[in-house]
Amino acid sequence: MASKNSIEEIENGTFLNLMKLKHIDLSQNKLSRFNQFPASSALDSVILAYNFISIFEHFEDCPGITVLDLKNNKLTSLPASINVLRILKTLDMSNNDLIDLPNELASIGSLVRINIEGNPLRCIRQSIKTQGAEVLKKYLEKRAPEEEEVKGDRLIAYNALGSESWDIYIREASATKMVKLVSRNIKFIANELWDVTNITQIDLSIN
């Protein structure tokens, strides 16, 4: 535990070799980003509440996380890759700056507690937000095929290019008004990205 300090940054590789680490608690610090995870299935809970985190990524090698607490931060989006956390039970995203949620949340069958209060979720009706995890997941599950149908040939074109992630990037850009794709090994930019006319910030560095 290292909560209630003034930590502003976690150095690269800090947790890399801690293969038996089960809990990370860095709540009530001054972190603006968090992307340091051990490549381990032992990690069970990650508590990052009450920081200033706007970037949360690179958790894909920790499929054993069951509790993820990100309340009271500055997140504008949740990565679609959240669905790699197949046994996640509790997700607290309250009091952030989320405009929308990824449909991929619907595929996490173990997820029984979702807190999204205090977010400007303009894409989700208030009646959906207040009825609990199951209702919210069913809504996201139903919404996903509808969005894919609208994409139509565009989504097929992405898959043909071997870049199925671009439909996700474009959806997130439309919702957050930002494109932040740092260190993603991106080899080209889909032309359809420039159809998103409300983008105010683009960061494609280290690709």
N, C-alpha and C. Protein backbone atom coordinates (compact mmCIF):
# COMPACT_ATOMS: atom_id res chain seq x y z
N MET A 1 0.83 -1.20 0.00
CA MET A 1 0.00 0.00 0.00
C MET A 1 0.86 1.25 0.00
N ALA A 2 0.44 2.23 -0.79
CA ALA A 2 1.15 3.51 -0.82
C ALA A 2 0.13 4.63 -0.96
N SER A 3 -1.02 4.45 -0.33
CA SER A 3 -2.08 5.45 -0.41
C SER A 3 -1.77 6.65 0.47
N LYS A 4 -2.48 7.75 0.20
CA LYS A 4 -2.37 8.97 1.00
C LYS A 4 -0.94 9.51 1.02
N ASN A 5 -0.37 9.63 -0.16
CA ASN A 5 0.93 10.25 -0.32
C ASN A 5 0.81 11.36 -1.36
N SER A 6 1.92 11.74 -1.95
CA SER A 6 1.91 12.76 -3.00
C SER A 6 2.61 12.23 -4.25
N ILE A 7 2.41 10.94 -4.52
CA ILE A 7 3.06 10.30 -5.66
C ILE A 7 2.46 10.83 -6.96
N GLU A 8 3.32 11.30 -7.84
CA GLU A 8 2.86 11.87 -9.10
C GLU A 8 3.10 10.96 -10.29
N GLU A 9 4.03 10.02 -10.16
CA GLU A 9 4.37 9.16 -11.29
C GLU A 9 4.94 7.83 -10.81
N ILE A 10 4.60 6.77 -11.52
CA ILE A 10 5.16 5.45 -11.26
C ILE A 10 6.16 5.15 -12.38
N GLU A 11 7.39 4.89 -12.02
CA GLU A 11 8.43 4.66 -13.02
C GLU A 11 8.16 3.37 -13.81
N ASN A 12 8.58 3.37 -15.06
CA ASN A 12 8.43 2.19 -15.90
C ASN A 12 9.10 0.98 -15.26
N GLY A 13 8.37 -0.14 -15.25
CA GLY A 13 8.93 -1.38 -14.72
C GLY A 13 8.83 -1.54 -13.22
N THR A 14 8.18 -0.61 -12.53
CA THR A 14 8.10 -0.67 -11.07
C THR A 14 7.53 -2.00 -10.58
N PHE A 15 6.44 -2.45 -11.23
CA PHE A 15 5.77 -3.68 -10.79
C PHE A 15 6.07 -4.88 -11.69
N LEU A 16 6.92 -4.67 -12.67
CA LEU A 16 7.11 -5.66 -13.73
C LEU A 16 7.44 -7.06 -13.23
N ASN A 17 8.33 -7.17 -12.26
CA ASN A 17 8.79 -8.48 -11.79
C ASN A 17 8.09 -8.97 -10.52
N LEU A 18 7.07 -8.25 -10.10
CA LEU A 18 6.35 -8.65 -8.88
C LEU A 18 5.24 -9.62 -9.26
N MET A 19 5.62 -10.83 -9.60
CA MET A 19 4.70 -11.79 -10.16
C MET A 19 3.68 -12.33 -9.17
N LYS A 20 3.93 -12.15 -7.87
CA LYS A 20 2.99 -12.63 -6.86
C LYS A 20 2.20 -11.50 -6.22
N LEU A 21 2.34 -10.31 -6.76
CA LEU A 21 1.62 -9.15 -6.22
C LEU A 21 0.11 -9.35 -6.36
N LYS A 22 -0.63 -9.18 -5.27
CA LYS A 22 -2.07 -9.39 -5.28
C LYS A 22 -2.88 -8.10 -5.20
N HIS A 23 -2.31 -7.08 -4.57
CA HIS A 23 -3.07 -5.85 -4.36
C HIS A 23 -2.21 -4.63 -4.66
N ILE A 24 -2.78 -3.67 -5.37
CA ILE A 24 -2.16 -2.37 -5.58
C ILE A 24 -3.11 -1.32 -5.03
N ASP A 25 -2.64 -0.53 -4.08
CA ASP A 25 -3.44 0.57 -3.53
C ASP A 25 -2.61 1.85 -3.59
N LEU A 26 -2.94 2.68 -4.57
CA LEU A 26 -2.28 3.97 -4.74
C LEU A 26 -3.30 5.09 -4.69
N SER A 27 -4.35 4.87 -3.91
CA SER A 27 -5.40 5.87 -3.80
C SER A 27 -4.91 7.12 -3.07
N GLN A 28 -5.57 8.22 -3.35
CA GLN A 28 -5.27 9.50 -2.70
C GLN A 28 -3.81 9.92 -2.91
N ASN A 29 -3.42 9.92 -4.16
CA ASN A 29 -2.11 10.45 -4.55
C ASN A 29 -2.32 11.52 -5.62
N LYS A 30 -1.31 11.76 -6.43
CA LYS A 30 -1.40 12.80 -7.46
C LYS A 30 -1.05 12.24 -8.84
N LEU A 31 -1.42 10.99 -9.06
CA LEU A 31 -1.13 10.34 -10.34
C LEU A 31 -2.02 10.91 -11.44
N SER A 32 -1.43 11.14 -12.60
CA SER A 32 -2.21 11.59 -13.76
C SER A 32 -2.38 10.48 -14.79
N ARG A 33 -1.59 9.42 -14.67
CA ARG A 33 -1.73 8.27 -15.55
C ARG A 33 -1.30 7.02 -14.80
N PHE A 34 -1.83 5.87 -15.23
CA PHE A 34 -1.41 4.61 -14.64
C PHE A 34 -1.37 3.56 -15.73
N ASN A 35 -0.17 3.06 -16.01
CA ASN A 35 0.00 2.03 -17.04
C ASN A 35 1.07 1.02 -16.64
N GLN A 36 1.30 0.88 -15.35
CA GLN A 36 2.34 -0.02 -14.85
C GLN A 36 1.70 -1.22 -14.17
N PHE A 37 1.74 -2.36 -14.84
CA PHE A 37 1.15 -3.58 -14.30
C PHE A 37 2.15 -4.74 -14.42
N PRO A 38 2.14 -5.65 -13.45
CA PRO A 38 2.95 -6.86 -13.62
C PRO A 38 2.25 -7.80 -14.60
N ALA A 39 3.02 -8.52 -15.36
CA ALA A 39 2.43 -9.51 -16.28
C ALA A 39 2.11 -10.75 -15.47
N SER A 40 1.02 -10.67 -14.71
CA SER A 40 0.71 -11.73 -13.75
C SER A 40 -0.78 -11.88 -13.58
N SER A 41 -1.21 -13.12 -13.40
CA SER A 41 -2.63 -13.39 -13.13
C SER A 41 -2.93 -13.37 -11.64
N ALA A 42 -1.90 -13.12 -10.82
CA ALA A 42 -2.11 -13.11 -9.37
C ALA A 42 -2.74 -11.82 -8.87
N LEU A 43 -2.59 -10.73 -9.62
CA LEU A 43 -3.11 -9.44 -9.18
C LEU A 43 -4.63 -9.49 -9.10
N ASP A 44 -5.17 -9.18 -7.90
CA ASP A 44 -6.60 -9.33 -7.65
C ASP A 44 -7.33 -7.99 -7.58
N SER A 45 -6.74 -6.99 -6.93
CA SER A 45 -7.43 -5.71 -6.78
C SER A 45 -6.49 -4.55 -7.07
N VAL A 46 -7.05 -3.53 -7.74
CA VAL A 46 -6.32 -2.32 -8.08
C VAL A 46 -7.14 -1.13 -7.61
N ILE A 47 -6.60 -0.40 -6.64
CA ILE A 47 -7.29 0.74 -6.05
C ILE A 47 -6.54 2.01 -6.41
N LEU A 48 -7.14 2.83 -7.27
CA LEU A 48 -6.50 4.05 -7.74
C LEU A 48 -7.40 5.27 -7.53
N ALA A 49 -8.30 5.17 -6.59
CA ALA A 49 -9.28 6.22 -6.35
C ALA A 49 -8.61 7.51 -5.88
N TYR A 50 -9.27 8.63 -6.14
CA TYR A 50 -8.84 9.95 -5.66
C TYR A 50 -7.44 10.30 -6.14
N ASN A 51 -7.27 10.26 -7.46
CA ASN A 51 -6.07 10.76 -8.10
C ASN A 51 -6.51 11.75 -9.19
N PHE A 52 -5.67 11.93 -10.19
CA PHE A 52 -5.99 12.80 -11.31
C PHE A 52 -5.79 12.05 -12.62
N ILE A 53 -6.07 10.75 -12.60
CA ILE A 53 -5.76 9.87 -13.72
C ILE A 53 -6.67 10.15 -14.92
N SER A 54 -6.02 10.44 -16.04
CA SER A 54 -6.76 10.60 -17.30
C SER A 54 -6.37 9.51 -18.29
N ILE A 55 -5.30 8.78 -18.01
CA ILE A 55 -4.84 7.68 -18.87
C ILE A 55 -4.70 6.41 -18.04
N PHE A 56 -5.43 5.37 -18.42
CA PHE A 56 -5.39 4.09 -17.72
C PHE A 56 -5.30 3.01 -18.79
N GLU A 57 -4.17 2.28 -18.82
CA GLU A 57 -3.96 1.33 -19.91
C GLU A 57 -2.92 0.28 -19.54
N HIS A 58 -2.74 -0.69 -20.45
CA HIS A 58 -1.74 -1.76 -20.34
C HIS A 58 -2.00 -2.71 -19.17
N PHE A 59 -3.27 -3.01 -18.90
CA PHE A 59 -3.65 -3.94 -17.85
C PHE A 59 -3.97 -5.33 -18.41
N GLU A 60 -3.76 -5.51 -19.69
CA GLU A 60 -4.21 -6.72 -20.37
C GLU A 60 -3.53 -8.00 -19.90
N ASP A 61 -2.37 -7.88 -19.27
CA ASP A 61 -1.66 -9.07 -18.79
C ASP A 61 -2.03 -9.43 -17.35
N CYS A 62 -3.10 -8.84 -16.85
CA CYS A 62 -3.55 -9.11 -15.47
C CYS A 62 -5.00 -9.57 -15.47
N PRO A 63 -5.29 -10.72 -16.06
CA PRO A 63 -6.68 -11.18 -16.21
C PRO A 63 -7.34 -11.58 -14.90
N GLY A 64 -6.59 -11.63 -13.80
CA GLY A 64 -7.16 -12.06 -12.53
C GLY A 64 -7.76 -10.96 -11.69
N ILE A 65 -7.75 -9.72 -12.19
CA ILE A 65 -8.30 -8.60 -11.41
C ILE A 65 -9.80 -8.80 -11.19
N THR A 66 -10.23 -8.71 -9.93
CA THR A 66 -11.65 -8.81 -9.61
C THR A 66 -12.23 -7.49 -9.11
N VAL A 67 -11.37 -6.61 -8.60
CA VAL A 67 -11.81 -5.31 -8.09
C VAL A 67 -10.98 -4.21 -8.74
N LEU A 68 -11.66 -3.27 -9.39
CA LEU A 68 -11.00 -2.14 -10.04
C LEU A 68 -11.69 -0.86 -9.59
N ASP A 69 -10.98 -0.08 -8.78
CA ASP A 69 -11.54 1.15 -8.21
C ASP A 69 -10.83 2.36 -8.81
N LEU A 70 -11.54 3.07 -9.67
CA LEU A 70 -11.00 4.25 -10.34
C LEU A 70 -11.83 5.49 -10.06
N LYS A 71 -12.56 5.48 -8.98
CA LYS A 71 -13.44 6.62 -8.70
C LYS A 71 -12.66 7.90 -8.41
N ASN A 72 -13.31 9.01 -8.69
CA ASN A 72 -12.75 10.32 -8.43
C ASN A 72 -11.40 10.53 -9.13
N ASN A 73 -11.43 10.37 -10.46
CA ASN A 73 -10.28 10.67 -11.29
C ASN A 73 -10.72 11.56 -12.44
N LYS A 74 -9.95 11.57 -13.53
CA LYS A 74 -10.23 12.46 -14.65
C LYS A 74 -10.37 11.69 -15.96
N LEU A 75 -10.83 10.45 -15.87
CA LEU A 75 -10.94 9.61 -17.05
C LEU A 75 -12.10 10.06 -17.95
N THR A 76 -11.82 10.19 -19.23
CA THR A 76 -12.87 10.54 -20.19
C THR A 76 -13.36 9.32 -20.95
N SER A 77 -12.61 8.22 -20.87
CA SER A 77 -13.04 6.99 -21.55
C SER A 77 -12.45 5.79 -20.84
N LEU A 78 -13.10 4.65 -21.01
CA LEU A 78 -12.64 3.38 -20.48
C LEU A 78 -12.24 2.53 -21.67
N PRO A 79 -11.01 1.97 -21.70
CA PRO A 79 -10.57 1.20 -22.87
C PRO A 79 -11.50 0.03 -23.17
N ALA A 80 -11.75 -0.20 -24.44
CA ALA A 80 -12.58 -1.33 -24.85
C ALA A 80 -11.97 -2.66 -24.44
N SER A 81 -10.65 -2.67 -24.27
CA SER A 81 -9.96 -3.90 -23.87
C SER A 81 -10.25 -4.30 -22.42
N ILE A 82 -11.11 -3.56 -21.74
CA ILE A 82 -11.51 -3.91 -20.38
C ILE A 82 -12.08 -5.32 -20.33
N ASN A 83 -12.58 -5.83 -21.46
CA ASN A 83 -13.20 -7.15 -21.45
C ASN A 83 -12.20 -8.29 -21.30
N VAL A 84 -10.89 -7.99 -21.28
CA VAL A 84 -9.91 -9.05 -20.99
C VAL A 84 -9.95 -9.42 -19.51
N LEU A 85 -10.54 -8.58 -18.70
CA LEU A 85 -10.66 -8.87 -17.26
C LEU A 85 -11.89 -9.76 -17.07
N ARG A 86 -11.74 -11.01 -17.42
CA ARG A 86 -12.88 -11.93 -17.52
C ARG A 86 -13.53 -12.26 -16.19
N ILE A 87 -12.84 -12.06 -15.06
CA ILE A 87 -13.45 -12.38 -13.76
C ILE A 87 -13.64 -11.13 -12.90
N LEU A 88 -13.63 -9.97 -13.54
CA LEU A 88 -13.87 -8.72 -12.83
C LEU A 88 -15.26 -8.73 -12.19
N LYS A 89 -15.33 -8.40 -10.92
CA LYS A 89 -16.61 -8.41 -10.20
C LYS A 89 -17.10 -7.00 -9.86
N THR A 90 -16.16 -6.12 -9.48
CA THR A 90 -16.53 -4.77 -9.06
C THR A 90 -15.77 -3.73 -9.85
N LEU A 91 -16.49 -2.80 -10.46
CA LEU A 91 -15.88 -1.71 -11.21
C LEU A 91 -16.48 -0.40 -10.72
N ASP A 92 -15.64 0.45 -10.14
CA ASP A 92 -16.11 1.75 -9.65
C ASP A 92 -15.47 2.84 -10.49
N MET A 93 -16.29 3.48 -11.31
CA MET A 93 -15.84 4.57 -12.18
C MET A 93 -16.54 5.87 -11.83
N SER A 94 -17.08 5.96 -10.63
CA SER A 94 -17.86 7.13 -10.24
C SER A 94 -17.00 8.39 -10.19
N ASN A 95 -17.64 9.50 -10.49
CA ASN A 95 -17.01 10.83 -10.41
C ASN A 95 -15.76 10.94 -11.27
N ASN A 96 -15.93 10.59 -12.55
CA ASN A 96 -14.92 10.84 -13.56
C ASN A 96 -15.53 11.75 -14.63
N ASP A 97 -14.97 11.74 -15.82
CA ASP A 97 -15.48 12.58 -16.91
C ASP A 97 -15.94 11.73 -18.09
N LEU A 98 -16.47 10.54 -17.79
CA LEU A 98 -16.89 9.62 -18.85
C LEU A 98 -18.10 10.15 -19.60
N ILE A 99 -18.03 10.07 -20.91
CA ILE A 99 -19.14 10.45 -21.76
C ILE A 99 -19.92 9.23 -22.22
N ASP A 100 -19.21 8.10 -22.34
CA ASP A 100 -19.84 6.86 -22.77
C ASP A 100 -19.10 5.69 -22.15
N LEU A 101 -19.65 4.49 -22.31
CA LEU A 101 -19.02 3.26 -21.83
C LEU A 101 -18.82 2.32 -23.01
N PRO A 102 -17.76 1.51 -22.99
CA PRO A 102 -17.56 0.56 -24.09
C PRO A 102 -18.57 -0.57 -24.02
N ASN A 103 -19.09 -0.97 -25.16
CA ASN A 103 -20.04 -2.08 -25.21
C ASN A 103 -19.42 -3.37 -24.67
N GLU A 104 -18.09 -3.45 -24.70
CA GLU A 104 -17.39 -4.66 -24.29
C GLU A 104 -17.62 -5.01 -22.83
N LEU A 105 -18.07 -4.07 -22.02
CA LEU A 105 -18.39 -4.37 -20.62
C LEU A 105 -19.45 -5.46 -20.52
N ALA A 106 -20.33 -5.51 -21.50
CA ALA A 106 -21.44 -6.47 -21.47
C ALA A 106 -20.97 -7.91 -21.49
N SER A 107 -19.75 -8.16 -21.99
CA SER A 107 -19.27 -9.52 -22.12
C SER A 107 -18.60 -10.06 -20.85
N ILE A 108 -18.50 -9.23 -19.82
CA ILE A 108 -17.87 -9.67 -18.56
C ILE A 108 -18.97 -10.24 -17.67
N GLY A 109 -19.18 -11.54 -17.74
CA GLY A 109 -20.28 -12.18 -17.03
C GLY A 109 -20.19 -12.06 -15.52
N SER A 110 -18.99 -11.99 -14.97
CA SER A 110 -18.81 -11.93 -13.52
C SER A 110 -19.06 -10.56 -12.93
N LEU A 111 -19.17 -9.54 -13.78
CA LEU A 111 -19.29 -8.16 -13.32
C LEU A 111 -20.68 -7.92 -12.73
N VAL A 112 -20.74 -7.78 -11.41
CA VAL A 112 -22.04 -7.63 -10.73
C VAL A 112 -22.22 -6.28 -10.06
N ARG A 113 -21.14 -5.50 -9.97
CA ARG A 113 -21.24 -4.17 -9.36
C ARG A 113 -20.52 -3.15 -10.24
N ILE A 114 -21.30 -2.20 -10.75
CA ILE A 114 -20.75 -1.12 -11.56
C ILE A 114 -21.26 0.20 -10.98
N ASN A 115 -20.34 1.08 -10.64
CA ASN A 115 -20.72 2.40 -10.14
C ASN A 115 -20.24 3.45 -11.13
N ILE A 116 -21.18 4.15 -11.76
CA ILE A 116 -20.83 5.16 -12.76
C ILE A 116 -21.47 6.50 -12.43
N GLU A 117 -21.91 6.66 -11.20
CA GLU A 117 -22.53 7.92 -10.79
C GLU A 117 -21.52 9.06 -10.89
N GLY A 118 -22.03 10.25 -11.18
CA GLY A 118 -21.17 11.42 -11.22
C GLY A 118 -20.36 11.56 -12.49
N ASN A 119 -20.83 10.94 -13.59
CA ASN A 119 -20.19 11.07 -14.89
C ASN A 119 -21.16 11.72 -15.88
N PRO A 120 -20.66 12.52 -16.82
CA PRO A 120 -21.54 13.13 -17.83
C PRO A 120 -21.85 12.16 -18.97
N LEU A 121 -22.48 11.03 -18.64
CA LEU A 121 -22.73 9.97 -19.61
C LEU A 121 -23.92 10.34 -20.49
N ARG A 122 -23.66 11.15 -21.48
CA ARG A 122 -24.74 11.66 -22.33
C ARG A 122 -25.32 10.59 -23.24
N CYS A 123 -24.57 9.50 -23.46
CA CYS A 123 -25.02 8.47 -24.40
C CYS A 123 -25.88 7.40 -23.73
N ILE A 124 -26.04 7.48 -22.41
CA ILE A 124 -26.80 6.47 -21.68
C ILE A 124 -27.88 7.15 -20.84
N ARG A 125 -29.10 6.71 -21.00
CA ARG A 125 -30.22 7.32 -20.28
C ARG A 125 -30.10 7.13 -18.77
N GLN A 126 -30.61 8.08 -18.02
CA GLN A 126 -30.54 8.03 -16.56
C GLN A 126 -31.25 6.80 -16.03
N SER A 127 -32.33 6.40 -16.66
CA SER A 127 -33.07 5.23 -16.20
C SER A 127 -32.25 3.95 -16.31
N ILE A 128 -31.34 3.91 -17.26
CA ILE A 128 -30.44 2.76 -17.43
C ILE A 128 -29.34 2.80 -16.38
N LYS A 129 -28.81 3.98 -16.14
CA LYS A 129 -27.67 4.14 -15.24
C LYS A 129 -27.98 3.77 -13.81
N THR A 130 -29.23 3.87 -13.42
CA THR A 130 -29.58 3.69 -12.01
C THR A 130 -30.16 2.31 -11.68
N GLN A 131 -30.22 1.40 -12.65
CA GLN A 131 -30.87 0.11 -12.41
C GLN A 131 -29.91 -1.04 -12.16
N GLY A 132 -28.63 -0.74 -12.00
CA GLY A 132 -27.71 -1.80 -11.63
C GLY A 132 -26.94 -2.38 -12.80
N ALA A 133 -25.99 -3.27 -12.46
CA ALA A 133 -25.05 -3.80 -13.43
C ALA A 133 -25.72 -4.62 -14.53
N GLU A 134 -26.65 -5.48 -14.17
CA GLU A 134 -27.25 -6.36 -15.17
C GLU A 134 -28.04 -5.60 -16.22
N VAL A 135 -28.80 -4.61 -15.78
CA VAL A 135 -29.57 -3.80 -16.73
C VAL A 135 -28.64 -3.02 -17.65
N LEU A 136 -27.59 -2.46 -17.07
CA LEU A 136 -26.63 -1.70 -17.86
C LEU A 136 -25.92 -2.60 -18.87
N LYS A 137 -25.53 -3.79 -18.47
CA LYS A 137 -24.85 -4.71 -19.39
C LYS A 137 -25.78 -5.15 -20.52
N LYS A 138 -27.04 -5.41 -20.19
CA LYS A 138 -27.99 -5.80 -21.24
C LYS A 138 -28.17 -4.68 -22.26
N TYR A 139 -28.19 -3.45 -21.77
CA TYR A 139 -28.31 -2.30 -22.67
C TYR A 139 -27.10 -2.21 -23.60
N LEU A 140 -25.90 -2.36 -23.04
CA LEU A 140 -24.68 -2.29 -23.84
C LEU A 140 -24.61 -3.43 -24.84
N GLU A 141 -25.07 -4.62 -24.42
CA GLU A 141 -25.07 -5.78 -25.30
C GLU A 141 -26.02 -5.57 -26.48
N LYS A 142 -27.17 -4.98 -26.22
CA LYS A 142 -28.14 -4.72 -27.28
C LYS A 142 -27.65 -3.62 -28.21
N ARG A 143 -26.96 -2.65 -27.64
CA ARG A 143 -26.49 -1.52 -28.43
C ARG A 143 -25.39 -1.91 -29.41
N ALA A 144 -24.57 -2.87 -29.03
CA ALA A 144 -23.40 -3.25 -29.84
C ALA A 144 -23.76 -3.67 -31.26
N PRO A 145 -24.71 -4.63 -31.45
CA PRO A 145 -25.05 -5.03 -32.82
C PRO A 145 -25.61 -3.88 -33.64
N GLU A 146 -26.35 -2.98 -33.00
CA GLU A 146 -26.93 -1.85 -33.71
C GLU A 146 -25.83 -0.94 -34.25
N GLU A 147 -24.80 -0.71 -33.44
CA GLU A 147 -23.69 0.14 -33.88
C GLU A 147 -22.91 -0.53 -35.00
N GLU A 148 -22.73 -1.85 -34.91
CA GLU A 148 -22.00 -2.56 -35.95
C GLU A 148 -22.75 -2.53 -37.27
N GLU A 149 -24.08 -2.61 -37.18
CA GLU A 149 -24.88 -2.56 -38.40
C GLU A 149 -24.75 -1.21 -39.08
N VAL A 150 -24.68 -0.16 -38.27
CA VAL A 150 -24.52 1.18 -38.82
C VAL A 150 -23.16 1.31 -39.50
N LYS A 151 -22.14 0.73 -38.91
CA LYS A 151 -20.79 0.81 -39.49
C LYS A 151 -20.75 0.09 -40.84
N GLY A 152 -21.44 -1.05 -40.93
CA GLY A 152 -21.56 -1.78 -42.19
C GLY A 152 -20.23 -2.06 -42.86
N ASP A 153 -20.14 -1.59 -44.10
CA ASP A 153 -18.96 -1.88 -44.91
C ASP A 153 -17.69 -1.30 -44.30
N ARG A 154 -17.82 -0.24 -43.53
CA ARG A 154 -16.64 0.37 -42.93
C ARG A 154 -15.94 -0.61 -42.01
N LEU A 155 -16.69 -1.30 -41.15
CA LEU A 155 -16.11 -2.28 -40.23
C LEU A 155 -15.48 -3.43 -41.00
N ILE A 156 -16.12 -3.89 -42.06
CA ILE A 156 -15.58 -4.97 -42.88
C ILE A 156 -14.25 -4.54 -43.49
N ALA A 157 -14.17 -3.31 -43.92
CA ALA A 157 -12.94 -2.81 -44.52
C ALA A 157 -11.80 -2.82 -43.52
N TYR A 158 -12.07 -2.43 -42.29
CA TYR A 158 -11.04 -2.46 -41.25
C TYR A 158 -10.54 -3.88 -41.04
N ASN A 159 -11.46 -4.82 -40.92
CA ASN A 159 -11.07 -6.20 -40.67
C ASN A 159 -10.24 -6.74 -41.84
N ALA A 160 -10.58 -6.36 -43.03
CA ALA A 160 -9.83 -6.82 -44.20
C ALA A 160 -8.39 -6.32 -44.16
N LEU A 161 -8.20 -5.16 -43.55
CA LEU A 161 -6.86 -4.59 -43.43
C LEU A 161 -6.11 -5.13 -42.22
N GLY A 162 -6.75 -5.98 -41.44
CA GLY A 162 -6.11 -6.49 -40.25
C GLY A 162 -6.06 -5.47 -39.13
N SER A 163 -6.95 -4.48 -39.14
CA SER A 163 -6.92 -3.40 -38.15
C SER A 163 -8.30 -3.20 -37.55
N GLU A 164 -8.82 -4.28 -36.95
CA GLU A 164 -10.17 -4.23 -36.42
C GLU A 164 -10.32 -3.26 -35.27
N SER A 165 -9.20 -2.79 -34.70
CA SER A 165 -9.28 -1.87 -33.58
C SER A 165 -9.74 -0.47 -33.99
N TRP A 166 -9.61 -0.12 -35.25
CA TRP A 166 -9.91 1.25 -35.64
C TRP A 166 -11.36 1.64 -35.42
N ASP A 167 -12.30 0.68 -35.53
CA ASP A 167 -13.69 1.04 -35.26
C ASP A 167 -13.86 1.44 -33.81
N ILE A 168 -13.10 0.80 -32.91
CA ILE A 168 -13.14 1.15 -31.49
C ILE A 168 -12.52 2.52 -31.26
N TYR A 169 -11.37 2.77 -31.89
CA TYR A 169 -10.69 4.06 -31.73
C TYR A 169 -11.60 5.20 -32.20
N ILE A 170 -12.29 4.98 -33.30
CA ILE A 170 -13.13 6.04 -33.86
C ILE A 170 -14.34 6.30 -32.96
N ARG A 171 -14.91 5.24 -32.40
CA ARG A 171 -16.03 5.43 -31.48
C ARG A 171 -15.60 6.21 -30.24
N GLU A 172 -14.42 5.86 -29.70
CA GLU A 172 -13.92 6.56 -28.53
C GLU A 172 -13.60 8.02 -28.86
N ALA A 173 -13.06 8.27 -30.05
CA ALA A 173 -12.75 9.64 -30.45
C ALA A 173 -14.01 10.48 -30.53
N SER A 174 -15.06 9.89 -31.07
CA SER A 174 -16.33 10.61 -31.18
C SER A 174 -16.91 10.95 -29.82
N ALA A 175 -16.75 10.02 -28.87
CA ALA A 175 -17.32 10.23 -27.53
C ALA A 175 -16.50 11.18 -26.69
N THR A 176 -15.18 11.12 -26.82
CA THR A 176 -14.31 11.89 -25.91
C THR A 176 -13.74 13.16 -26.54
N LYS A 177 -13.88 13.31 -27.85
CA LYS A 177 -13.32 14.43 -28.60
C LYS A 177 -11.79 14.39 -28.64
N MET A 178 -11.21 13.25 -28.27
CA MET A 178 -9.76 13.13 -28.25
C MET A 178 -9.33 11.82 -28.89
N VAL A 179 -8.15 11.83 -29.47
CA VAL A 179 -7.51 10.62 -29.98
C VAL A 179 -6.18 10.48 -29.25
N LYS A 180 -6.09 9.52 -28.34
CA LYS A 180 -4.85 9.27 -27.60
C LYS A 180 -4.47 7.81 -27.84
N LEU A 181 -3.59 7.61 -28.79
CA LEU A 181 -3.16 6.26 -29.17
C LEU A 181 -1.64 6.21 -29.12
N VAL A 182 -1.11 6.28 -27.91
CA VAL A 182 0.34 6.32 -27.69
C VAL A 182 0.87 4.90 -27.54
N SER A 183 1.98 4.62 -28.21
CA SER A 183 2.66 3.31 -28.10
C SER A 183 1.75 2.15 -28.43
N ARG A 184 0.99 2.23 -29.53
CA ARG A 184 0.07 1.17 -29.93
C ARG A 184 0.56 0.40 -31.16
N ASN A 185 1.75 0.73 -31.65
CA ASN A 185 2.29 0.06 -32.84
C ASN A 185 1.38 0.26 -34.05
N ILE A 186 0.77 1.42 -34.14
CA ILE A 186 -0.12 1.74 -35.25
C ILE A 186 0.70 2.00 -36.51
N LYS A 187 0.33 1.35 -37.60
CA LYS A 187 1.08 1.47 -38.85
C LYS A 187 0.39 2.35 -39.89
N PHE A 188 -0.86 2.68 -39.68
CA PHE A 188 -1.55 3.59 -40.59
C PHE A 188 -2.73 4.20 -39.85
N ILE A 189 -3.25 5.28 -40.40
CA ILE A 189 -4.42 5.95 -39.82
C ILE A 189 -5.59 5.77 -40.77
N ALA A 190 -6.68 5.24 -40.26
CA ALA A 190 -7.86 5.03 -41.09
C ALA A 190 -8.44 6.38 -41.52
N ASN A 191 -8.74 6.53 -42.79
CA ASN A 191 -9.26 7.80 -43.30
C ASN A 191 -10.55 8.21 -42.61
N GLU A 192 -11.33 7.22 -42.16
CA GLU A 192 -12.61 7.54 -41.52
C GLU A 192 -12.45 8.30 -40.21
N LEU A 193 -11.24 8.27 -39.63
CA LEU A 193 -11.02 9.02 -38.40
C LEU A 193 -11.29 10.50 -38.61
N TRP A 194 -10.93 10.98 -39.81
CA TRP A 194 -11.06 12.41 -40.07
C TRP A 194 -12.52 12.81 -40.33
N ASP A 195 -13.42 11.85 -40.36
CA ASP A 195 -14.84 12.15 -40.45
C ASP A 195 -15.42 12.57 -39.10
N VAL A 196 -14.64 12.32 -38.02
CA VAL A 196 -15.10 12.69 -36.68
C VAL A 196 -14.77 14.16 -36.48
N THR A 197 -15.75 15.02 -36.68
CA THR A 197 -15.48 16.46 -36.77
C THR A 197 -15.35 17.17 -35.43
N ASN A 198 -15.65 16.45 -34.32
CA ASN A 198 -15.60 17.14 -33.02
C ASN A 198 -14.28 16.92 -32.28
N ILE A 199 -13.27 16.32 -32.94
CA ILE A 199 -11.99 16.05 -32.28
C ILE A 199 -11.26 17.36 -31.99
N THR A 200 -10.78 17.49 -30.74
CA THR A 200 -10.03 18.67 -30.34
C THR A 200 -8.59 18.38 -30.00
N GLN A 201 -8.24 17.09 -29.82
CA GLN A 201 -6.87 16.74 -29.44
C GLN A 201 -6.47 15.41 -30.06
N ILE A 202 -5.27 15.34 -30.62
CA ILE A 202 -4.76 14.12 -31.23
C ILE A 202 -3.35 13.84 -30.71
N ASP A 203 -3.11 12.63 -30.21
CA ASP A 203 -1.78 12.22 -29.79
C ASP A 203 -1.52 10.83 -30.33
N LEU A 204 -0.67 10.75 -31.33
CA LEU A 204 -0.31 9.48 -31.97
C LEU A 204 1.19 9.22 -31.84
N SER A 205 1.76 9.67 -30.75
CA SER A 205 3.20 9.57 -30.57
C SER A 205 3.65 8.16 -30.26
N ILE A 206 4.92 7.89 -30.47
CA ILE A 206 5.58 6.60 -30.19
C ILE A 206 4.86 5.45 -30.88
N ASN A 207 4.67 5.57 -32.19
CA ASN A 207 4.11 4.48 -32.99
C ASN A 207 5.08 4.15 -34.11
